[in-house]
C-alpha atoms as a PDB file:
ATOM      1  CA  MET A   1      15.646   1.096 -34.957  1.00  0.00           C
ATOM      2  CA  GLU A   2      12.284   2.707 -35.222  1.00  0.00           C
ATOM      3  CA  LYS A   3       9.881   2.921 -32.206  1.00  0.00           C
ATOM      4  CA  PRO A   4       6.729   0.937 -32.499  1.00  0.00           C
ATOM      5  CA  ASN A   5       3.677   2.764 -32.831  1.00  0.00           C
ATOM      6  CA  ASN A   6       1.808   1.193 -29.979  1.00  0.00           C
ATOM      7  CA  ILE A   7       4.116   2.426 -27.119  1.00  0.00           C
ATOM      8  CA  THR A   8       4.882   5.864 -25.734  1.00  0.00           C
ATOM      9  CA  ASP A   9       8.208   8.031 -26.397  1.00  0.00           C
ATOM     10  CA  ASN A  10       9.044   7.627 -22.653  1.00  0.00           C
ATOM     11  CA  ASP A  11       8.515   3.874 -22.683  1.00  0.00           C
ATOM     12  CA  TRP A  12      10.670   3.549 -25.672  1.00  0.00           C
ATOM     13  CA  LYS A  13      13.472   5.672 -24.044  1.00  0.00           C
ATOM     14  CA  LEU A  14      13.258   3.309 -21.115  1.00  0.00           C
ATOM     15  CA  LEU A  15      13.490   0.206 -23.188  1.00  0.00           C
ATOM     16  CA  LYS A  16      16.415   1.557 -25.093  1.00  0.00           C
ATOM     17  CA  SER A  17      18.359   2.256 -21.837  1.00  0.00           C
ATOM     18  CA  LYS A  18      17.609  -1.223 -20.459  1.00  0.00           C
ATOM     19  CA  TYR A  19      18.096  -3.518 -23.601  1.00  0.00           C
ATOM     20  CA  LYS A  20      21.057  -3.808 -25.828  1.00  0.00           C
ATOM     21  CA  ASN A  21      19.179  -5.879 -28.432  1.00  0.00           C
ATOM     22  CA  LEU A  22      15.603  -4.529 -29.043  1.00  0.00           C
ATOM     23  CA  LYS A  23      14.567  -6.821 -31.787  1.00  0.00           C
ATOM     24  CA  PRO A  24      13.072  -9.789 -29.416  1.00  0.00           C
ATOM     25  CA  ILE A  25      11.532  -6.965 -27.268  1.00  0.00           C
ATOM     26  CA  ILE A  26       9.619  -5.322 -30.314  1.00  0.00           C
ATOM     27  CA  LYS A  27       8.507  -9.049 -31.289  1.00  0.00           C
ATOM     28  CA  LYS A  28       7.089  -9.236 -27.778  1.00  0.00           C
ATOM     29  CA  ILE A  29       5.398  -5.867 -28.045  1.00  0.00           C
ATOM     30  CA  ASN A  30       3.879  -6.653 -31.471  1.00  0.00           C
ATOM     31  CA  LYS A  31       2.266  -9.600 -29.681  1.00  0.00           C
ATOM     32  CA  ASP A  32       0.568  -7.388 -27.046  1.00  0.00           C
ATOM     33  CA  TYR A  33       3.218  -8.401 -24.338  1.00  0.00           C
ATOM     34  CA  PRO A  34       2.715  -5.545 -21.661  1.00  0.00           C
ATOM     35  CA  VAL A  35       5.423  -2.949 -21.998  1.00  0.00           C
ATOM     36  CA  GLN A  36       5.220  -2.556 -18.240  1.00  0.00           C
ATOM     37  CA  TYR A  37       6.695  -5.939 -17.800  1.00  0.00           C
ATOM     38  CA  LEU A  38       9.382  -5.319 -20.228  1.00  0.00           C
ATOM     39  CA  ILE A  39      10.402  -2.073 -18.352  1.00  0.00           C
ATOM     40  CA  GLY A  40       9.896  -3.770 -14.952  1.00  0.00           C
ATOM     41  CA  ASN A  41       8.143  -0.950 -12.974  1.00  0.00           C
ATOM     42  CA  VAL A  42       5.504   1.558 -13.167  1.00  0.00           C
ATOM     43  CA  ASN A  43       4.613   4.859 -11.445  1.00  0.00           C
ATOM     44  CA  PHE A  44       1.595   4.378  -9.250  1.00  0.00           C
ATOM     45  CA  TYR A  45       0.268   7.336  -7.478  1.00  0.00           C
ATOM     46  CA  GLY A  46       3.761   8.891  -7.732  1.00  0.00           C
ATOM     47  CA  TYR A  47       5.493   5.769  -6.211  1.00  0.00           C
ATOM     48  CA  ASN A  48       7.709   3.343  -8.130  1.00  0.00           C
ATOM     49  CA  ILE A  49       6.158  -0.134  -8.185  1.00  0.00           C
ATOM     50  CA  ASN A  50       8.158  -3.233  -9.574  1.00  0.00           C
ATOM     51  CA  VAL A  51       6.065  -5.497 -11.746  1.00  0.00           C
ATOM     52  CA  ASN A  52       6.500  -8.844 -13.409  1.00  0.00           C
ATOM     53  CA  LYS A  53       4.447 -11.576 -14.927  1.00  0.00           C
ATOM     54  CA  ASN A  54       3.463 -12.792 -11.355  1.00  0.00           C
ATOM     55  CA  VAL A  55       1.459  -9.539 -10.556  1.00  0.00           C
ATOM     56  CA  LEU A  56      -1.539  -7.570 -12.187  1.00  0.00           C
ATOM     57  CA  ILE A  57      -0.224  -4.276 -13.697  1.00  0.00           C
ATOM     58  CA  PRO A  58      -1.543  -1.317 -11.662  1.00  0.00           C
ATOM     59  CA  ARG A  59      -4.030   0.741 -13.517  1.00  0.00           C
ATOM     60  CA  PHE A  60      -5.349   4.258 -13.443  1.00  0.00           C
ATOM     61  CA  GLU A  61      -8.719   3.190 -12.322  1.00  0.00           C
ATOM     62  CA  THR A  62      -6.902   1.647  -9.099  1.00  0.00           C
ATOM     63  CA  GLU A  63      -5.243   4.958  -8.519  1.00  0.00           C
ATOM     64  CA  THR A  64      -8.542   6.570  -8.248  1.00  0.00           C
ATOM     65  CA  LEU A  65      -9.868   3.776  -5.822  1.00  0.00           C
ATOM     66  CA  VAL A  66      -6.837   4.840  -3.637  1.00  0.00           C
ATOM     67  CA  GLU A  67      -7.426   8.542  -3.820  1.00  0.00           C
ATOM     68  CA  LYS A  68     -11.124   8.128  -2.948  1.00  0.00           C
ATOM     69  CA  THR A  69     -10.355   5.810  -0.083  1.00  0.00           C
ATOM     70  CA  ILE A  70      -7.944   8.258   1.306  1.00  0.00           C
ATOM     71  CA  ASN A  71     -10.544  11.025   1.187  1.00  0.00           C
ATOM     72  CA  TYR A  72     -13.004   8.668   2.975  1.00  0.00           C
ATOM     73  CA  ILE A  73     -10.489   7.669   5.727  1.00  0.00           C
ATOM     74  CA  LYS A  74      -9.801  11.271   6.378  1.00  0.00           C
ATOM     75  CA  LYS A  75     -13.384  12.115   6.381  1.00  0.00           C
ATOM     76  CA  LEU A  76     -14.271   9.240   8.815  1.00  0.00           C
ATOM     77  CA  LYS A  77     -11.098  10.066  10.905  1.00  0.00           C
ATOM     78  CA  LEU A  78      -9.839   6.462  10.509  1.00  0.00           C
ATOM     79  CA  THR A  79      -6.289   7.677   9.749  1.00  0.00           C
ATOM     80  CA  ASN A  80      -4.888   5.862  12.852  1.00  0.00           C
ATOM     81  CA  SER A  81      -6.803   2.607  12.265  1.00  0.00           C
ATOM     82  CA  SER A  82      -6.214  -0.914  11.046  1.00  0.00           C
ATOM     83  CA  LEU A  83      -6.677  -2.025   7.433  1.00  0.00           C
ATOM     84  CA  LEU A  84      -6.909  -5.177   5.571  1.00  0.00           C
ATOM     85  CA  GLU A  85      -6.199  -5.384   1.794  1.00  0.00           C
ATOM     86  CA  VAL A  86      -7.453  -8.619   0.075  1.00  0.00           C
ATOM     87  CA  GLY A  87      -5.498  -9.583  -3.069  1.00  0.00           C
ATOM     88  CA  THR A  88      -2.495  -7.267  -2.835  1.00  0.00           C
ATOM     89  CA  GLY A  89      -0.657  -8.413  -5.779  1.00  0.00           C
ATOM     90  CA  SER A  90       2.254  -5.893  -6.442  1.00  0.00           C
ATOM     91  CA  GLY A  91       1.431  -4.222  -3.051  1.00  0.00           C
ATOM     92  CA  CYS A  92       0.614  -0.937  -4.665  1.00  0.00           C
ATOM     93  CA  ILE A  93      -2.505  -0.152  -3.029  1.00  0.00           C
ATOM     94  CA  SER A  94      -1.309  -0.811   0.467  1.00  0.00           C
ATOM     95  CA  ILE A  95       1.980   0.780  -0.212  1.00  0.00           C
ATOM     96  CA  VAL A  96       0.384   4.025  -1.281  1.00  0.00           C
ATOM     97  CA  LEU A  97      -1.954   4.059   1.743  1.00  0.00           C
ATOM     98  CA  LYS A  98       0.862   3.606   4.106  1.00  0.00           C
ATOM     99  CA  LYS A  99       2.981   6.281   2.705  1.00  0.00           C
ATOM    100  CA  GLU A 100       0.054   8.765   2.430  1.00  0.00           C
ATOM    101  CA  LEU A 101      -1.401   7.768   5.831  1.00  0.00           C
ATOM    102  CA  ASP A 102       1.289   6.599   8.003  1.00  0.00           C
ATOM    103  CA  GLY A 103      -0.864   5.978  11.122  1.00  0.00           C
ATOM    104  CA  LEU A 104      -2.506   3.030   9.123  1.00  0.00           C
ATOM    105  CA  LYS A 105      -1.636  -0.397  10.480  1.00  0.00           C
ATOM    106  CA  ILE A 106      -1.824  -2.582   7.224  1.00  0.00           C
ATOM    107  CA  THR A 107      -2.122  -6.204   6.889  1.00  0.00           C
ATOM    108  CA  SER A 108      -2.166  -7.502   3.088  1.00  0.00           C
ATOM    109  CA  LEU A 109      -3.179 -10.960   1.846  1.00  0.00           C
ATOM    110  CA  ASP A 110      -2.563 -12.766  -1.301  1.00  0.00           C
ATOM    111  CA  ILE A 111      -2.877 -16.342  -2.350  1.00  0.00           C
ATOM    112  CA  SER A 112       0.220 -16.174  -4.559  1.00  0.00           C
ATOM    113  CA  LYS A 113       3.762 -16.509  -2.997  1.00  0.00           C
ATOM    114  CA  LYS A 114       5.260 -15.128  -6.051  1.00  0.00           C
ATOM    115  CA  ALA A 115       3.061 -12.023  -6.018  1.00  0.00           C
ATOM    116  CA  LEU A 116       4.042 -11.579  -2.285  1.00  0.00           C
ATOM    117  CA  LYS A 117       7.651 -11.753  -3.233  1.00  0.00           C
ATOM    118  CA  VAL A 118       7.305  -8.646  -5.440  1.00  0.00           C
ATOM    119  CA  ALA A 119       5.054  -6.958  -2.948  1.00  0.00           C
ATOM    120  CA  ASN A 120       7.636  -7.293  -0.100  1.00  0.00           C
ATOM    121  CA  LYS A 121      10.290  -6.027  -2.497  1.00  0.00           C
ATOM    122  CA  ASN A 122       8.047  -3.138  -3.418  1.00  0.00           C
ATOM    123  CA  ALA A 123       7.347  -2.341   0.395  1.00  0.00           C
ATOM    124  CA  LYS A 124      11.060  -2.233   0.976  1.00  0.00           C
ATOM    125  CA  LEU A 125      11.838  -0.014  -1.928  1.00  0.00           C
ATOM    126  CA  ASN A 126       9.369   2.485  -0.732  1.00  0.00           C
ATOM    127  CA  ASN A 127      10.103   2.109   2.896  1.00  0.00           C
ATOM    128  CA  ALA A 128       6.362   1.085   3.633  1.00  0.00           C
ATOM    129  CA  ASP A 129       5.889  -1.159   6.924  1.00  0.00           C
ATOM    130  CA  ILE A 130       3.156  -3.638   5.979  1.00  0.00           C
ATOM    131  CA  ASN A 131       2.334  -7.153   7.257  1.00  0.00           C
ATOM    132  CA  PHE A 132       2.043  -9.532   4.153  1.00  0.00           C
ATOM    133  CA  ILE A 133       0.213 -12.919   4.606  1.00  0.00           C
ATOM    134  CA  ASN A 134       0.254 -15.672   2.137  1.00  0.00           C
ATOM    135  CA  CYS A 135      -3.507 -16.927   2.451  1.00  0.00           C
ATOM    136  CA  ASP A 136      -6.504 -17.971   0.387  1.00  0.00           C
ATOM    137  CA  ILE A 137      -9.421 -15.539   1.414  1.00  0.00           C
ATOM    138  CA  PHE A 138     -11.692 -18.551   1.563  1.00  0.00           C
ATOM    139  CA  LYS A 139      -9.559 -20.012   4.201  1.00  0.00           C
ATOM    140  CA  TYR A 140      -8.712 -17.041   5.991  1.00  0.00           C
ATOM    141  CA  LYS A 141      -9.706 -16.822   9.703  1.00  0.00           C
ATOM    142  CA  PRO A 142      -8.780 -13.385  11.068  1.00  0.00           C
ATOM    143  CA  ILE A 143      -7.748 -13.124  14.570  1.00  0.00           C
ATOM    144  CA  ASN A 144      -7.623  -9.396  14.753  1.00  0.00           C
ATOM    145  CA  LYS A 145     -10.386  -6.664  14.424  1.00  0.00           C
ATOM    146  CA  TYR A 146      -9.939  -4.190  11.480  1.00  0.00           C
ATOM    147  CA  ASP A 147     -11.501  -0.729  10.685  1.00  0.00           C
ATOM    148  CA  ILE A 148     -11.040  -0.736   6.835  1.00  0.00           C
ATOM    149  CA  LEU A 149     -11.376  -3.368   4.265  1.00  0.00           C
ATOM    150  CA  ILE A 150     -10.074  -2.654   0.746  1.00  0.00           C
ATOM    151  CA  SER A 151      -9.594  -4.934  -2.446  1.00  0.00           C
ATOM    152  CA  ASN A 152      -9.565  -4.923  -6.099  1.00  0.00           C
ATOM    153  CA  PRO A 153     -10.533  -8.699  -6.420  1.00  0.00           C
ATOM    154  CA  PRO A 154     -10.623 -10.875  -9.488  1.00  0.00           C
ATOM    155  CA  TYR A 155     -14.082  -9.991 -11.101  1.00  0.00           C
ATOM    156  CA  VAL A 156     -13.574 -10.409 -14.880  1.00  0.00           C
ATOM    157  CA  LYS A 157     -15.846 -13.252 -16.352  1.00  0.00           C
ATOM    158  CA  GLU A 158     -14.595 -15.308 -19.177  1.00  0.00           C
ATOM    159  CA  THR A 159     -17.471 -14.040 -21.431  1.00  0.00           C
ATOM    160  CA  ASP A 160     -16.481 -10.263 -20.853  1.00  0.00           C
ATOM    161  CA  ASP A 161     -14.536  -8.246 -23.566  1.00  0.00           C
ATOM    162  CA  ILE A 162     -11.103  -8.028 -22.483  1.00  0.00           C
ATOM    163  CA  ASP A 163      -7.856  -6.342 -23.790  1.00  0.00           C
ATOM    164  CA  ASN A 164      -5.429  -8.762 -25.397  1.00  0.00           C
ATOM    165  CA  SER A 165      -2.490  -7.801 -23.229  1.00  0.00           C
ATOM    166  CA  ILE A 166      -4.373  -9.075 -20.314  1.00  0.00           C
ATOM    167  CA  LYS A 167      -3.637 -12.554 -21.567  1.00  0.00           C
ATOM    168  CA  TYR A 168      -0.081 -12.210 -20.212  1.00  0.00           C
ATOM    169  CA  GLU A 169      -1.263 -11.209 -16.699  1.00  0.00           C
ATOM    170  CA  PRO A 170      -1.751 -13.818 -13.781  1.00  0.00           C
ATOM    171  CA  LYS A 171      -5.373 -15.220 -14.540  1.00  0.00           C
ATOM    172  CA  ASN A 172      -5.915 -15.675 -10.691  1.00  0.00           C
ATOM    173  CA  ALA A 173      -5.698 -12.061 -10.206  1.00  0.00           C
ATOM    174  CA  ILE A 174      -8.107 -11.172 -13.053  1.00  0.00           C
ATOM    175  CA  PHE A 175     -10.822 -13.838 -13.530  1.00  0.00           C
ATOM    176  CA  ASP A 176     -13.755 -15.009 -11.380  1.00  0.00           C
ATOM    177  CA  ASN A 177     -14.907 -17.893 -13.437  1.00  0.00           C
ATOM    178  CA  GLU A 178     -18.417 -18.003 -11.710  1.00  0.00           C
ATOM    179  CA  ASN A 179     -20.563 -14.748 -11.797  1.00  0.00           C
ATOM    180  CA  GLY A 180     -18.078 -12.024 -10.869  1.00  0.00           C
ATOM    181  CA  LEU A 181     -19.440 -11.980  -7.302  1.00  0.00           C
ATOM    182  CA  LYS A 182     -17.552 -14.830  -5.634  1.00  0.00           C
ATOM    183  CA  TYR A 183     -14.871 -12.853  -3.910  1.00  0.00           C
ATOM    184  CA  TYR A 184     -17.204  -9.819  -2.976  1.00  0.00           C
ATOM    185  CA  LYS A 185     -19.624 -12.246  -1.334  1.00  0.00           C
ATOM    186  CA  ARG A 186     -16.714 -13.766   0.730  1.00  0.00           C
ATOM    187  CA  MET A 187     -15.345 -10.387   1.770  1.00  0.00           C
ATOM    188  CA  LEU A 188     -18.898  -8.856   2.623  1.00  0.00           C
ATOM    189  CA  GLU A 189     -19.501 -12.129   4.734  1.00  0.00           C
ATOM    190  CA  LEU A 190     -15.945 -12.046   6.581  1.00  0.00           C
ATOM    191  CA  GLY A 191     -16.438  -8.452   7.023  1.00  0.00           C
ATOM    192  CA  LYS A 192     -19.369  -8.847   9.389  1.00  0.00           C
ATOM    193  CA  THR A 193     -17.075 -10.905  11.589  1.00  0.00           C
ATOM    194  CA  PHE A 194     -13.861  -8.834  11.704  1.00  0.00           C
ATOM    195  CA  LEU A 195     -14.755  -5.188  11.161  1.00  0.00           C
ATOM    196  CA  ASN A 196     -15.247  -2.919  14.071  1.00  0.00           C
ATOM    197  CA  LYS A 197     -18.513  -1.159  14.538  1.00  0.00           C
ATOM    198  CA  LYS A 198     -17.316   2.033  12.713  1.00  0.00           C
ATOM    199  CA  ASN A 199     -15.715   0.843   9.432  1.00  0.00           C
ATOM    200  CA  LEU A 200     -15.064   1.552   5.812  1.00  0.00           C
ATOM    201  CA  ILE A 201     -15.262  -1.085   2.997  1.00  0.00           C
ATOM    202  CA  ALA A 202     -13.654   0.000  -0.471  1.00  0.00           C
ATOM    203  CA  PHE A 203     -14.055  -2.040  -3.470  1.00  0.00           C
ATOM    204  CA  GLU A 204     -13.028  -1.652  -7.256  1.00  0.00           C
ATOM    205  CA  ILE A 205     -15.753  -3.244  -9.284  1.00  0.00           C
ATOM    206  CA  SER A 206     -16.643  -3.904 -12.964  1.00  0.00           C
ATOM    207  CA  TYR A 207     -18.879  -1.055 -14.286  1.00  0.00           C
ATOM    208  CA  ASN A 208     -21.405  -3.403 -15.510  1.00  0.00           C
ATOM    209  CA  MET A 209     -21.843  -5.091 -12.059  1.00  0.00           C
ATOM    210  CA  SER A 210     -22.509  -1.893 -10.081  1.00  0.00           C
ATOM    211  CA  LYS A 211     -26.313  -2.346  -9.353  1.00  0.00           C
ATOM    212  CA  VAL A 212     -25.918  -6.044  -8.620  1.00  0.00           C
ATOM    213  CA  LEU A 213     -23.037  -5.344  -6.065  1.00  0.00           C
ATOM    214  CA  LYS A 214     -24.894  -2.477  -4.569  1.00  0.00           C
ATOM    215  CA  ASP A 215     -27.944  -4.641  -3.946  1.00  0.00           C
ATOM    216  CA  LEU A 216     -25.717  -7.496  -2.668  1.00  0.00           C
ATOM    217  CA  ALA A 217     -23.947  -5.070  -0.263  1.00  0.00           C
ATOM    218  CA  LYS A 218     -27.428  -3.916   1.120  1.00  0.00           C
ATOM    219  CA  GLU A 219     -28.283  -7.639   1.985  1.00  0.00           C
ATOM    220  CA  TYR A 220     -25.312  -7.884   4.127  1.00  0.00           C
ATOM    221  CA  TYR A 221     -25.260  -4.122   5.573  1.00  0.00           C
ATOM    222  CA  PRO A 222     -28.765  -2.955   5.386  1.00  0.00           C
ATOM    223  CA  LYS A 223     -28.147  -0.098   7.772  1.00  0.00           C
ATOM    224  CA  SER A 224     -24.859   1.144   6.153  1.00  0.00           C
ATOM    225  CA  LYS A 225     -24.339   3.935   3.834  1.00  0.00           C
ATOM    226  CA  ILE A 226     -23.527   2.337   0.404  1.00  0.00           C
ATOM    227  CA  LEU A 227     -22.284   4.463  -2.396  1.00  0.00           C
ATOM    228  CA  VAL A 228     -21.328   3.550  -6.009  1.00  0.00           C
ATOM    229  CA  GLU A 229     -18.625   5.948  -7.587  1.00  0.00           C
ATOM    230  CA  LYS A 230     -17.239   6.667 -10.994  1.00  0.00           C
ATOM    231  CA  ASP A 231     -13.834   6.504 -12.422  1.00  0.00           C
ATOM    232  CA  LEU A 232     -12.356   9.116 -14.857  1.00  0.00           C
ATOM    233  CA  SER A 233     -14.085   7.592 -17.778  1.00  0.00           C
ATOM    234  CA  ASN A 234     -17.496   8.287 -15.993  1.00  0.00           C
ATOM    235  CA  LYS A 235     -18.043   4.562 -15.531  1.00  0.00           C
ATOM    236  CA  ASN A 236     -19.412   3.168 -12.178  1.00  0.00           C
ATOM    237  CA  ARG A 237     -16.166   1.606 -10.863  1.00  0.00           C
ATOM    238  CA  TYR A 238     -15.975   1.847  -7.127  1.00  0.00           C
ATOM    239  CA  LEU A 239     -18.194   0.628  -4.157  1.00  0.00           C
ATOM    240  CA  PHE A 240     -18.072   2.059  -0.854  1.00  0.00           C
ATOM    241  CA  ILE A 241     -19.772   0.868   2.373  1.00  0.00           C
ATOM    242  CA  ILE A 242     -19.598   3.214   5.405  1.00  0.00           C
ATOM    243  CA  ASN A 243     -20.503   2.619   8.921  1.00  0.00           C
ATOM    244  CA  GLU A 244     -20.146   5.550  11.120  1.00  0.00           C
END
């Protein structure tokens, strides 16, 4: 059976080793079904992360968010601090941060119980000690203080151009059906109540919303250092808010 043109040689090799009958698999691939779900895992920042239809597939842009955040944490000397991740999904961000910076005490929220089941499995697989909480960020009332807030929240608008494969991923992890700002506003608002005086906020953002989000961040944190940084495609993809 010939390899479909829209997958890599390595992915084809993995699929052949996993499935005896490849006909239904190829049919799914030809309908843009994500090959990552068929394989069942991805390599994220060098770590093995299980994925299924209940979690967003980790992407290269998010690896860069993690890399930049690690650099800021080291620069700000926050390596032994407390971190909150909002919308953890597969747990990939929190797991890598914990593995790369073991001194971090990490709490990770998600509204989806099914996603947290995957995240817990991934944390055990990678021997990462993370406190997972099933909670809606709009109902979350933190009892602890944190030094770092990180999130890759839902920010895609229904009117945005999207890849066909996204239709198979959990909609509540992708779409903000209002204006793309709902989750950022909530986190910026909450951050003023639970972040310590010295803190770091790290967001993945939509490249076409960078100015709006930077202006929004200035409203909430007028005295902070606010930086927009680019991804590997030279698009504005990350927002960092720093209070030293």
